[in-house]
């Protein structure tokens, strides 16, 4: 049972990381973020990315806050694995 919970949470964190990457890549294409798919990704990604954007300034025109946000998700996933290892 515990392993199933770990697997589900780990998979959700991975999918969320991929959603953020896709959302970032949409900025490279004109009007892609205005599409229904882009708006859906904005609704699920922007609430997580906003605190990082407030803390981490852009370097010129490059926003590195999504990179830090993804690294944070990966660290959470690693922490989840460590927690599962301690419990199991």
Protein backbone atom coordinates (compact mmCIF):
# COMPACT_ATOMS: atom_id res chain seq x y z
CA UNK A 1 0.00 0.00 0.00
CA UNK A 2 2.78 2.42 0.95
CA UNK A 3 4.67 1.64 -2.25
CA UNK A 4 1.56 2.42 -4.30
CA UNK A 5 1.19 5.81 -2.62
CA UNK A 6 4.88 6.53 -3.29
CA UNK A 7 4.50 5.51 -6.95
CA UNK A 8 1.43 7.71 -7.45
CA UNK A 9 3.05 10.76 -5.83
CA UNK A 10 6.30 10.24 -7.71
CA UNK A 11 4.46 9.90 -11.02
CA UNK A 12 2.40 13.03 -10.33
CA UNK A 13 5.56 15.02 -9.58
CA UNK A 14 7.15 13.78 -12.81
CA UNK A 15 4.09 14.69 -14.88
CA UNK A 16 3.97 18.11 -13.26
CA UNK A 17 7.63 18.68 -14.13
CA UNK A 18 6.91 17.75 -17.74
CA UNK A 19 3.89 20.08 -17.77
CA UNK A 20 6.12 22.95 -16.64
CA UNK A 21 8.68 22.15 -19.34
CA UNK A 22 5.98 22.09 -22.02
CA UNK A 23 4.52 25.33 -20.68
CA UNK A 24 7.92 27.00 -20.93
CA UNK A 25 8.49 25.70 -24.44
CA UNK A 26 5.13 27.14 -25.52
CA UNK A 27 6.59 30.61 -25.03
CA UNK A 28 8.83 29.97 -28.04
CA UNK A 29 5.86 29.70 -30.39
CA UNK A 30 3.64 32.68 -31.24
CA UNK A 31 0.16 32.55 -29.67
CA UNK A 32 0.74 29.04 -28.31
CA UNK A 33 -0.02 30.11 -24.75
CA UNK A 34 -3.31 31.61 -25.90
CA UNK A 35 -4.53 28.24 -27.20
CA UNK A 36 -6.83 26.18 -25.00
CA UNK A 37 -3.97 23.79 -24.19
CA UNK A 38 -1.71 26.71 -23.31
CA UNK A 39 -4.37 28.22 -21.08
CA UNK A 40 -4.88 24.87 -19.34
CA UNK A 41 -1.15 24.58 -18.66
CA UNK A 42 -1.09 28.18 -17.43
CA UNK A 43 -3.84 27.40 -14.92
CA UNK A 44 -1.91 24.49 -13.45
CA UNK A 45 1.66 25.83 -13.77
CA UNK A 46 1.44 29.55 -13.01
CA UNK A 47 0.37 29.18 -9.34
CA UNK A 48 3.51 27.12 -8.70
CA UNK A 49 5.84 29.28 -10.81
CA UNK A 50 4.71 32.68 -9.46
CA UNK A 51 6.48 32.46 -6.06
CA UNK A 52 9.72 31.52 -7.81
CA UNK A 53 9.37 34.46 -10.21
CA UNK A 54 8.92 36.84 -7.28
CA UNK A 55 12.11 35.59 -5.60
CA UNK A 56 14.41 34.98 -8.57
CA UNK A 57 15.01 37.92 -10.91
CA UNK A 58 15.25 37.45 -14.66
CA UNK A 59 18.67 37.60 -16.26
CA UNK A 60 18.06 39.97 -19.13
CA UNK A 61 15.21 38.41 -21.06
CA UNK A 62 15.84 34.93 -19.67
CA UNK A 63 13.64 33.73 -16.83
CA UNK A 64 15.50 31.07 -14.85
CA UNK A 65 12.81 30.66 -12.19
CA UNK A 66 11.20 27.66 -13.96
CA UNK A 67 14.55 25.86 -13.79
CA UNK A 68 14.68 26.41 -10.03
CA UNK A 69 11.03 25.31 -9.77
CA UNK A 70 11.76 22.06 -11.61
CA UNK A 71 14.85 21.42 -9.48
CA UNK A 72 12.68 21.94 -6.40
CA UNK A 73 10.18 19.38 -7.70
CA UNK A 74 12.99 16.90 -8.33
CA UNK A 75 14.33 17.47 -4.82
CA UNK A 76 10.85 16.84 -3.44
CA UNK A 77 10.72 13.62 -5.43
CA UNK A 78 14.10 12.57 -4.02
CA UNK A 79 12.93 13.45 -0.53
CA UNK A 80 9.85 11.34 -1.09
CA UNK A 81 12.07 8.41 -2.07
CA UNK A 82 14.23 8.90 1.02
CA UNK A 83 11.14 9.06 3.21
CA UNK A 84 9.79 5.89 1.65
CA UNK A 85 13.16 4.20 2.20
CA UNK A 86 13.11 5.15 5.88
CA UNK A 87 9.55 3.98 6.43
CA UNK A 88 9.67 0.75 4.41
